[in-house]
Amino acid sequence: DEVETFLHNREEKTWSAQTFTLATLEGFQNCRLDDTMIIS
């Protein structure tokens, strides 16, 4: 229940990418750094 509350704060919460890496593919992460997700 606490994990779920952390994820969506009992309604919805917006998360923004801070870092993203895919092993052996340099530069790939740059296109992920402006991604956001709303968890409901």
All heavy atoms as atom14 arrays in JSON, in Angstrom:
{
  "sequence": "DEVETFLHNREEKTWSAQTFTLATLEGFQNCRLDDTMIIS",
  "atom14_mask": [
    [1, 1, 1, 1, 1, 1, 1, 1, 0, 0, 0, 0, 0, 0],
    [1, 1, 1, 1, 1, 1, 1, 1, 1, 0, 0, 0, 0, 0],
    [1, 1, 1, 1, 1, 1, 1, 0, 0, 0, 0, 0, 0, 0],
    [1, 1, 1, 1, 1, 1, 1, 1, 1, 0, 0, 0, 0, 0],
    [1, 1, 1, 1, 1, 1, 1, 0, 0, 0, 0, 0, 0, 0],
    [1, 1, 1, 1, 1, 1, 1, 1, 1, 1, 1, 0, 0, 0],
    [1, 1, 1, 1, 1, 1, 1, 1, 0, 0, 0, 0, 0, 0],
    [1, 1, 1, 1, 1, 1, 1, 1, 1, 1, 0, 0, 0, 0],
    [1, 1, 1, 1, 1, 1, 1, 1, 0, 0, 0, 0, 0, 0],
    [1, 1, 1, 1, 1, 1, 1, 1, 1, 1, 1, 0, 0, 0],
    [1, 1, 1, 1, 1, 1, 1, 1, 1, 0, 0, 0, 0, 0],
    [1, 1, 1, 1, 1, 1, 1, 1, 1, 0, 0, 0, 0, 0],
    [1, 1, 1, 1, 1, 1, 1, 1, 1, 0, 0, 0, 0, 0],
    [1, 1, 1, 1, 1, 1, 1, 0, 0, 0, 0, 0, 0, 0],
    [1, 1, 1, 1, 1, 1, 1, 1, 1, 1, 1, 1, 1, 1],
    [1, 1, 1, 1, 1, 1, 0, 0, 0, 0, 0, 0, 0, 0],
    [1, 1, 1, 1, 1, 0, 0, 0, 0, 0, 0, 0, 0, 0],
    [1, 1, 1, 1, 1, 1, 1, 1, 1, 0, 0, 0, 0, 0],
    [1, 1, 1, 1, 1, 1, 1, 0, 0, 0, 0, 0, 0, 0],
    [1, 1, 1, 1, 1, 1, 1, 1, 1, 1, 1, 0, 0, 0],
    [1, 1, 1, 1, 1, 1, 1, 0, 0, 0, 0, 0, 0, 0],
    [1, 1, 1, 1, 1, 1, 1, 1, 0, 0, 0, 0, 0, 0],
    [1, 1, 1, 1, 1, 0, 0, 0, 0, 0, 0, 0, 0, 0],
    [1, 1, 1, 1, 1, 1, 1, 0, 0, 0, 0, 0, 0, 0],
    [1, 1, 1, 1, 1, 1, 1, 1, 0, 0, 0, 0, 0, 0],
    [1, 1, 1, 1, 1, 1, 1, 1, 1, 0, 0, 0, 0, 0],
    [1, 1, 1, 1, 0, 0, 0, 0, 0, 0, 0, 0, 0, 0],
    [1, 1, 1, 1, 1, 1, 1, 1, 1, 1, 1, 0, 0, 0],
    [1, 1, 1, 1, 1, 1, 1, 1, 1, 0, 0, 0, 0, 0],
    [1, 1, 1, 1, 1, 1, 1, 1, 0, 0, 0, 0, 0, 0],
    [1, 1, 1, 1, 1, 1, 0, 0, 0, 0, 0, 0, 0, 0],
    [1, 1, 1, 1, 1, 1, 1, 1, 1, 1, 1, 0, 0, 0],
    [1, 1, 1, 1, 1, 1, 1, 1, 0, 0, 0, 0, 0, 0],
    [1, 1, 1, 1, 1, 1, 1, 1, 0, 0, 0, 0, 0, 0],
    [1, 1, 1, 1, 1, 1, 1, 1, 0, 0, 0, 0, 0, 0],
    [1, 1, 1, 1, 1, 1, 1, 0, 0, 0, 0, 0, 0, 0],
    [1, 1, 1, 1, 1, 1, 1, 1, 0, 0, 0, 0, 0, 0],
    [1, 1, 1, 1, 1, 1, 1, 1, 0, 0, 0, 0, 0, 0],
    [1, 1, 1, 1, 1, 1, 1, 1, 0, 0, 0, 0, 0, 0],
    [1, 1, 1, 1, 1, 1, 0, 0, 0, 0, 0, 0, 0, 0]
  ],
  "atom14_positions": [
    [[0.84, -1.21, 0.0], [0.0, 0.0, 0.0], [0.87, 1.26, 0.0], [0.59, 2.22, -0.7], [-0.95, 0.0, 1.2], [-1.9, 1.18, 1.16], [-2.59, 1.36, 0.13], [-1.96, 1.91, 2.16], [0.0, 0.0, 0.0], [0.0, 0.0, 0.0], [0.0, 0.0, 0.0], [0.0, 0.0, 0.0], [0.0, 0.0, 0.0], [0.0, 0.0, 0.0]],
    [[1.95, 1.24, 0.77], [2.87, 2.38, 0.8], [3.6, 2.54, -0.54], [3.85, 3.66, -0.98], [3.87, 2.24, 1.94], [3.24, 2.43, 3.3], [4.19, 2.15, 4.45], [5.22, 1.46, 4.26], [3.89, 2.63, 5.56], [0.0, 0.0, 0.0], [0.0, 0.0, 0.0], [0.0, 0.0, 0.0], [0.0, 0.0, 0.0], [0.0, 0.0, 0.0]],
    [[3.93, 1.43, -1.18], [4.57, 1.5, -2.5], [3.6, 2.14, -3.49], [3.97, 3.04, -4.25], [5.0, 0.1, -3.0], [5.45, 0.15, -4.45], [6.09, -0.49, -2.12], [0.0, 0.0, 0.0], [0.0, 0.0, 0.0], [0.0, 0.0, 0.0], [0.0, 0.0, 0.0], [0.0, 0.0, 0.0], [0.0, 0.0, 0.0], [0.0, 0.0, 0.0]],
    [[2.36, 1.69, -3.47], [1.36, 2.25, -4.39], [1.15, 3.73, -4.12], [1.07, 4.53, -5.04], [0.04, 1.48, -4.29], [0.13, 0.12, -4.92], [-1.21, -0.58, -5.02], [-2.24, 0.0, -4.61], [-1.22, -1.71, -5.5], [0.0, 0.0, 0.0], [0.0, 0.0, 0.0], [0.0, 0.0, 0.0], [0.0, 0.0, 0.0], [0.0, 0.0, 0.0]],
    [[1.08, 4.12, -2.86], [0.92, 5.53, -2.51], [2.11, 6.33, -3.02], [1.97, 7.43, -3.54], [0.75, 5.71, -1.0], [-0.42, 5.02, -0.59], [0.63, 7.18, -0.62], [0.0, 0.0, 0.0], [0.0, 0.0, 0.0], [0.0, 0.0, 0.0], [0.0, 0.0, 0.0], [0.0, 0.0, 0.0], [0.0, 0.0, 0.0], [0.0, 0.0, 0.0]],
    [[3.28, 5.78, -2.89], [4.49, 6.42, -3.39], [4.39, 6.65, -4.89], [4.76, 7.71, -5.4], [5.7, 5.55, -3.05], [7.0, 6.16, -3.42], [7.62, 7.07, -2.58], [7.62, 5.84, -4.61], [8.83, 7.65, -2.92], [8.83, 6.41, -4.96], [9.43, 7.32, -4.12], [0.0, 0.0, 0.0], [0.0, 0.0, 0.0], [0.0, 0.0, 0.0]],
    [[3.87, 5.68, -5.62], [3.78, 5.76, -7.09], [2.75, 6.76, -7.59], [2.98, 7.44, -8.57], [3.44, 4.39, -7.69], [4.53, 3.36, -7.69], [4.0, 2.02, -8.16], [5.67, 3.83, -8.58], [0.0, 0.0, 0.0], [0.0, 0.0, 0.0], [0.0, 0.0, 0.0], [0.0, 0.0, 0.0], [0.0, 0.0, 0.0], [0.0, 0.0, 0.0]],
    [[1.59, 6.84, -6.94], [0.51, 7.66, -7.49], [-0.15, 8.59, -6.49], [-1.09, 9.31, -6.84], [-0.55, 6.8, -8.16], [-1.09, 5.71, -7.29], [-1.86, 5.94, -6.18], [-0.94, 4.37, -7.39], [-2.18, 4.78, -5.62], [-1.63, 3.82, -6.32], [0.0, 0.0, 0.0], [0.0, 0.0, 0.0], [0.0, 0.0, 0.0], [0.0, 0.0, 0.0]],
    [[0.29, 8.59, -5.25], [-0.25, 9.48, -4.22], [-1.78, 9.39, -4.11], [-2.47, 10.38, -3.95], [0.19, 10.93, -4.48], [0.11, 11.77, -3.23], [0.17, 11.26, -2.12], [-0.03, 13.07, -3.41], [0.0, 0.0, 0.0], [0.0, 0.0, 0.0], [0.0, 0.0, 0.0], [0.0, 0.0, 0.0], [0.0, 0.0, 0.0], [0.0, 0.0, 0.0]],
    [[-2.3, 8.18, -4.27], [-3.73, 7.86, -4.14], [-4.61, 8.46, -5.23], [-5.81, 8.34, -5.2], [-4.27, 8.21, -2.77], [-3.54, 7.47, -1.66], [-4.43, 7.22, -0.47], [-3.7, 6.67, 0.64], [-3.39, 5.39, 0.78], [-3.75, 4.53, -0.13], [-2.73, 4.98, 1.83], [0.0, 0.0, 0.0], [0.0, 0.0, 0.0], [0.0, 0.0, 0.0]],
    [[-4.04, 9.13, -6.21], [-4.78, 9.64, -7.36], [-3.93, 9.43, -8.6], [-4.08, 8.46, -9.29], [-5.15, 11.11, -7.17], [-6.22, 11.31, -6.11], [-6.62, 12.76, -5.96], [-6.34, 13.57, -6.87], [-7.23, 13.08, -4.93], [0.0, 0.0, 0.0], [0.0, 0.0, 0.0], [0.0, 0.0, 0.0], [0.0, 0.0, 0.0], [0.0, 0.0, 0.0]],
    [[-3.03, 10.38, -8.85], [-2.09, 10.23, -9.95], [-0.87, 11.09, -9.66], [-0.94, 12.06, -8.92], [-2.69, 10.59, -11.3], [-3.02, 12.05, -11.48], [-3.6, 12.34, -12.86], [-4.19, 11.45, -13.48], [-3.45, 13.49, -13.3], [0.0, 0.0, 0.0], [0.0, 0.0, 0.0], [0.0, 0.0, 0.0], [0.0, 0.0, 0.0], [0.0, 0.0, 0.0]],
    [[0.25, 10.67, -10.22], [1.49, 11.39, -10.01], [2.29, 11.37, -11.32], [2.29, 10.38, -12.03], [2.3, 10.73, -8.91], [3.52, 11.54, -8.49], [4.28, 10.85, -7.39], [3.54, 11.01, -6.09], [4.29, 10.51, -4.94], [0.0, 0.0, 0.0], [0.0, 0.0, 0.0], [0.0, 0.0, 0.0], [0.0, 0.0, 0.0], [0.0, 0.0, 0.0]],
    [[2.96, 12.5, -11.59], [3.78, 12.62, -12.79], [5.24, 12.37, -12.43], [5.76, 12.92, -11.47], [3.63, 14.03, -13.41], [2.26, 14.23, -13.75], [4.49, 14.17, -14.65], [0.0, 0.0, 0.0], [0.0, 0.0, 0.0], [0.0, 0.0, 0.0], [0.0, 0.0, 0.0], [0.0, 0.0, 0.0], [0.0, 0.0, 0.0], [0.0, 0.0, 0.0]],
    [[5.89, 11.52, -13.24], [7.29, 11.17, -13.08], [8.05, 11.63, -14.32], [7.58, 11.46, -15.44], [7.44, 9.67, -12.89], [6.83, 9.2, -11.61], [5.55, 8.82, -11.39], [7.49, 9.09, -10.37], [5.37, 8.47, -10.08], [6.56, 8.62, -9.43], [8.8, 9.33, -9.95], [6.89, 8.4, -8.1], [9.13, 9.1, -8.63], [8.16, 8.64, -7.71]],
    [[9.24, 12.17, -14.1], [10.09, 12.64, -15.19], [11.41, 11.88, -15.2], [12.0, 11.64, -14.14], [10.39, 14.14, -15.02], [9.19, 14.88, -15.0], [0.0, 0.0, 0.0], [0.0, 0.0, 0.0], [0.0, 0.0, 0.0], [0.0, 0.0, 0.0], [0.0, 0.0, 0.0], [0.0, 0.0, 0.0], [0.0, 0.0, 0.0], [0.0, 0.0, 0.0]],
    [[11.87, 11.55, -16.4], [13.15, 10.84, -16.53], [14.28, 11.74, -16.06], [14.33, 12.92, -16.38], [13.37, 10.42, -17.98], [0.0, 0.0, 0.0], [0.0, 0.0, 0.0], [0.0, 0.0, 0.0], [0.0, 0.0, 0.0], [0.0, 0.0, 0.0], [0.0, 0.0, 0.0], [0.0, 0.0, 0.0], [0.0, 0.0, 0.0], [0.0, 0.0, 0.0]],
    [[15.18, 11.16, -15.28], [16.35, 11.88, -14.81], [17.6, 11.32, -15.48], [18.44, 12.08, -15.95], [16.46, 11.77, -13.29], [17.57, 12.59, -12.69], [17.57, 12.5, -11.18], [17.24, 11.47, -10.59], [17.95, 13.59, -10.54], [0.0, 0.0, 0.0], [0.0, 0.0, 0.0], [0.0, 0.0, 0.0], [0.0, 0.0, 0.0], [0.0, 0.0, 0.0]],
    [[17.72, 9.99, -15.51], [18.82, 9.33, -16.22], [18.25, 8.11, -16.92], [17.25, 7.53, -16.48], [19.95, 8.87, -15.28], [19.45, 7.88, -14.38], [20.54, 10.04, -14.5], [0.0, 0.0, 0.0], [0.0, 0.0, 0.0], [0.0, 0.0, 0.0], [0.0, 0.0, 0.0], [0.0, 0.0, 0.0], [0.0, 0.0, 0.0], [0.0, 0.0, 0.0]],
    [[18.88, 7.71, -18.01], [18.47, 6.51, -18.74], [19.66, 6.0, -19.53], [20.25, 6.76, -20.3], [17.31, 6.82, -19.69], [16.74, 5.59, -20.34], [15.74, 4.87, -19.73], [17.25, 5.13, -21.54], [15.21, 3.73, -20.29], [16.74, 3.98, -22.13], [15.72, 3.28, -21.5], [0.0, 0.0, 0.0], [0.0, 0.0, 0.0], [0.0, 0.0, 0.0]],
    [[20.03, 4.74, -19.33], [21.13, 4.16, -20.08], [20.75, 2.78, -20.6], [20.05, 2.02, -19.93], [22.41, 4.04, -19.23], [22.14, 3.22, -18.09], [22.91, 5.4, -18.77], [0.0, 0.0, 0.0], [0.0, 0.0, 0.0], [0.0, 0.0, 0.0], [0.0, 0.0, 0.0], [0.0, 0.0, 0.0], [0.0, 0.0, 0.0], [0.0, 0.0, 0.0]],
    [[21.19, 2.49, -21.79], [21.05, 1.18, -22.4], [22.46, 0.73, -22.7], [23.18, 1.38, -23.48], [20.22, 1.25, -23.67], [20.05, -0.03, -24.49], [19.39, -1.12, -23.65], [19.23, 0.23, -25.73], [0.0, 0.0, 0.0], [0.0, 0.0, 0.0], [0.0, 0.0, 0.0], [0.0, 0.0, 0.0], [0.0, 0.0, 0.0], [0.0, 0.0, 0.0]],
    [[22.92, -0.35, -22.06], [24.29, -0.82, -22.18], [24.74, -0.86, -23.63], [24.01, -1.32, -24.51], [24.42, -2.19, -21.54], [0.0, 0.0, 0.0], [0.0, 0.0, 0.0], [0.0, 0.0, 0.0], [0.0, 0.0, 0.0], [0.0, 0.0, 0.0], [0.0, 0.0, 0.0], [0.0, 0.0, 0.0], [0.0, 0.0, 0.0], [0.0, 0.0, 0.0]],
    [[25.92, -0.37, -23.87], [26.63, -0.36, -25.16], [26.06, 0.6, -26.2], [26.62, 0.72, -27.28], [26.74, -1.75, -25.81], [25.46, -2.17, -26.31], [27.29, -2.8, -24.85], [0.0, 0.0, 0.0], [0.0, 0.0, 0.0], [0.0, 0.0, 0.0], [0.0, 0.0, 0.0], [0.0, 0.0, 0.0], [0.0, 0.0, 0.0], [0.0, 0.0, 0.0]],
    [[25.01, 1.32, -25.91], [24.45, 2.25, -26.89], [24.57, 3.68, -26.37], [23.65, 4.23, -25.78], [22.98, 1.92, -27.19], [22.73, 0.59, -27.87], [21.24, 0.38, -28.09], [23.46, 0.51, -29.21], [0.0, 0.0, 0.0], [0.0, 0.0, 0.0], [0.0, 0.0, 0.0], [0.0, 0.0, 0.0], [0.0, 0.0, 0.0], [0.0, 0.0, 0.0]],
    [[25.71, 4.28, -26.61], [25.93, 5.65, -26.15], [25.04, 6.62, -26.92], [24.8, 6.45, -28.09], [27.39, 6.03, -26.33], [28.32, 5.25, -25.41], [29.75, 5.72, -25.52], [29.98, 6.91, -25.8], [30.63, 4.87, -25.34], [0.0, 0.0, 0.0], [0.0, 0.0, 0.0], [0.0, 0.0, 0.0], [0.0, 0.0, 0.0], [0.0, 0.0, 0.0]],
    [[24.56, 7.63, -26.23], [23.72, 8.65, -26.85], [22.25, 8.3, -26.9], [21.42, 9.16, -27.06], [0.0, 0.0, 0.0], [0.0, 0.0, 0.0], [0.0, 0.0, 0.0], [0.0, 0.0, 0.0], [0.0, 0.0, 0.0], [0.0, 0.0, 0.0], [0.0, 0.0, 0.0], [0.0, 0.0, 0.0], [0.0, 0.0, 0.0], [0.0, 0.0, 0.0]],
    [[21.92, 7.03, -26.75], [20.52, 6.61, -26.78], [19.72, 7.29, -25.69], [18.59, 7.68, -25.9], [20.43, 5.09, -26.64], [19.01, 4.6, -26.53], [18.21, 4.52, -27.65], [18.47, 4.25, -25.31], [16.9, 4.09, -27.56], [17.16, 3.82, -25.21], [16.39, 3.74, -26.34], [0.0, 0.0, 0.0], [0.0, 0.0, 0.0], [0.0, 0.0, 0.0]],
    [[20.33, 7.43, -24.53], [19.6, 7.97, -23.38], [19.13, 9.4, -23.59], [18.17, 9.82, -22.98], [20.44, 7.87, -22.1], [21.7, 8.7, -22.1], [22.89, 8.04, -22.76], [22.78, 7.0, -23.39], [24.05, 8.64, -22.61], [0.0, 0.0, 0.0], [0.0, 0.0, 0.0], [0.0, 0.0, 0.0], [0.0, 0.0, 0.0], [0.0, 0.0, 0.0]],
    [[19.76, 10.17, -24.46], [19.37, 11.56, -24.64], [17.92, 11.72, -25.08], [17.24, 12.66, -24.67], [20.3, 12.25, -25.62], [21.69, 12.4, -25.05], [21.87, 12.48, -23.85], [22.68, 12.41, -25.92], [0.0, 0.0, 0.0], [0.0, 0.0, 0.0], [0.0, 0.0, 0.0], [0.0, 0.0, 0.0], [0.0, 0.0, 0.0], [0.0, 0.0, 0.0]],
    [[17.42, 10.82, -25.9], [16.04, 10.93, -26.35], [15.04, 10.5, -25.27], [13.85, 10.69, -25.43], [15.82, 10.13, -27.63], [16.06, 8.36, -27.45], [0.0, 0.0, 0.0], [0.0, 0.0, 0.0], [0.0, 0.0, 0.0], [0.0, 0.0, 0.0], [0.0, 0.0, 0.0], [0.0, 0.0, 0.0], [0.0, 0.0, 0.0], [0.0, 0.0, 0.0]],
    [[15.5, 9.96, -24.17], [14.63, 9.54, -23.06], [14.52, 10.6, -21.96], [13.64, 10.54, -21.12], [15.14, 8.25, -22.41], [15.03, 7.05, -23.29], [13.59, 6.59, -23.36], [13.48, 5.53, -24.33], [12.52, 5.46, -25.24], [11.59, 6.38, -25.28], [12.47, 4.49, -26.09], [0.0, 0.0, 0.0], [0.0, 0.0, 0.0], [0.0, 0.0, 0.0]],
    [[15.42, 11.57, -21.97], [15.49, 12.51, -20.85], [14.37, 13.53, -20.81], [14.21, 14.23, -19.81], [16.86, 13.2, -20.83], [18.03, 12.23, -20.62], [19.35, 12.99, -20.6], [17.85, 11.4, -19.35], [0.0, 0.0, 0.0], [0.0, 0.0, 0.0], [0.0, 0.0, 0.0], [0.0, 0.0, 0.0], [0.0, 0.0, 0.0], [0.0, 0.0, 0.0]],
    [[13.55, 13.6, -21.87], [12.39, 14.49, -21.83], [11.08, 13.7, -21.69], [10.0, 14.24, -21.84], [12.34, 15.4, -23.06], [12.16, 14.65, -24.37], [12.27, 13.4, -24.38], [11.91, 15.3, -25.39], [0.0, 0.0, 0.0], [0.0, 0.0, 0.0], [0.0, 0.0, 0.0], [0.0, 0.0, 0.0], [0.0, 0.0, 0.0], [0.0, 0.0, 0.0]],
    [[11.19, 12.41, -21.35], [10.02, 11.56, -21.18], [9.36, 11.79, -19.83], [10.04, 12.05, -18.83], [10.41, 10.08, -21.27], [10.92, 9.68, -22.64], [11.07, 10.56, -23.52], [11.19, 8.48, -22.83], [0.0, 0.0, 0.0], [0.0, 0.0, 0.0], [0.0, 0.0, 0.0], [0.0, 0.0, 0.0], [0.0, 0.0, 0.0], [0.0, 0.0, 0.0]],
    [[8.03, 11.7, -19.8], [7.28, 11.77, -18.55], [6.23, 10.67, -18.54], [5.82, 10.19, -19.59], [6.58, 13.14, -18.35], [5.66, 13.35, -19.41], [7.58, 14.28, -18.28], [0.0, 0.0, 0.0], [0.0, 0.0, 0.0], [0.0, 0.0, 0.0], [0.0, 0.0, 0.0], [0.0, 0.0, 0.0], [0.0, 0.0, 0.0], [0.0, 0.0, 0.0]],
    [[5.81, 10.32, -17.35], [4.76, 9.32, -17.21], [3.86, 9.71, -16.05], [4.33, 10.11, -15.0], [5.35, 7.93, -16.95], [4.29, 6.87, -16.77], [4.99, 5.24, -16.45], [5.16, 4.66, -18.12], [0.0, 0.0, 0.0], [0.0, 0.0, 0.0], [0.0, 0.0, 0.0], [0.0, 0.0, 0.0], [0.0, 0.0, 0.0], [0.0, 0.0, 0.0]],
    [[2.56, 9.61, -16.29], [1.58, 9.82, -15.23], [1.08, 8.45, -14.79], [0.55, 7.7, -15.61], [0.41, 10.7, -15.72], [0.91, 12.08, -16.13], [-0.65, 10.8, -14.62], [-0.14, 12.94, -16.82], [0.0, 0.0, 0.0], [0.0, 0.0, 0.0], [0.0, 0.0, 0.0], [0.0, 0.0, 0.0], [0.0, 0.0, 0.0], [0.0, 0.0, 0.0]],
    [[1.28, 8.14, -13.52], [0.82, 6.88, -12.96], [-0.46, 7.17, -12.18], [-0.49, 8.04, -11.3], [1.87, 6.27, -12.01], [3.17, 6.01, -12.76], [1.33, 5.0, -11.35], [3.08, 4.98, -13.85], [0.0, 0.0, 0.0], [0.0, 0.0, 0.0], [0.0, 0.0, 0.0], [0.0, 0.0, 0.0], [0.0, 0.0, 0.0], [0.0, 0.0, 0.0]],
    [[-1.52, 6.44, -12.48], [-2.81, 6.65, -11.83], [-3.13, 5.5, -10.88], [-2.72, 4.36, -11.1], [-3.91, 6.77, -12.87], [-3.67, 7.89, -13.7], [0.0, 0.0, 0.0], [0.0, 0.0, 0.0], [0.0, 0.0, 0.0], [0.0, 0.0, 0.0], [0.0, 0.0, 0.0], [0.0, 0.0, 0.0], [0.0, 0.0, 0.0], [0.0, 0.0, 0.0]]
  ]
}
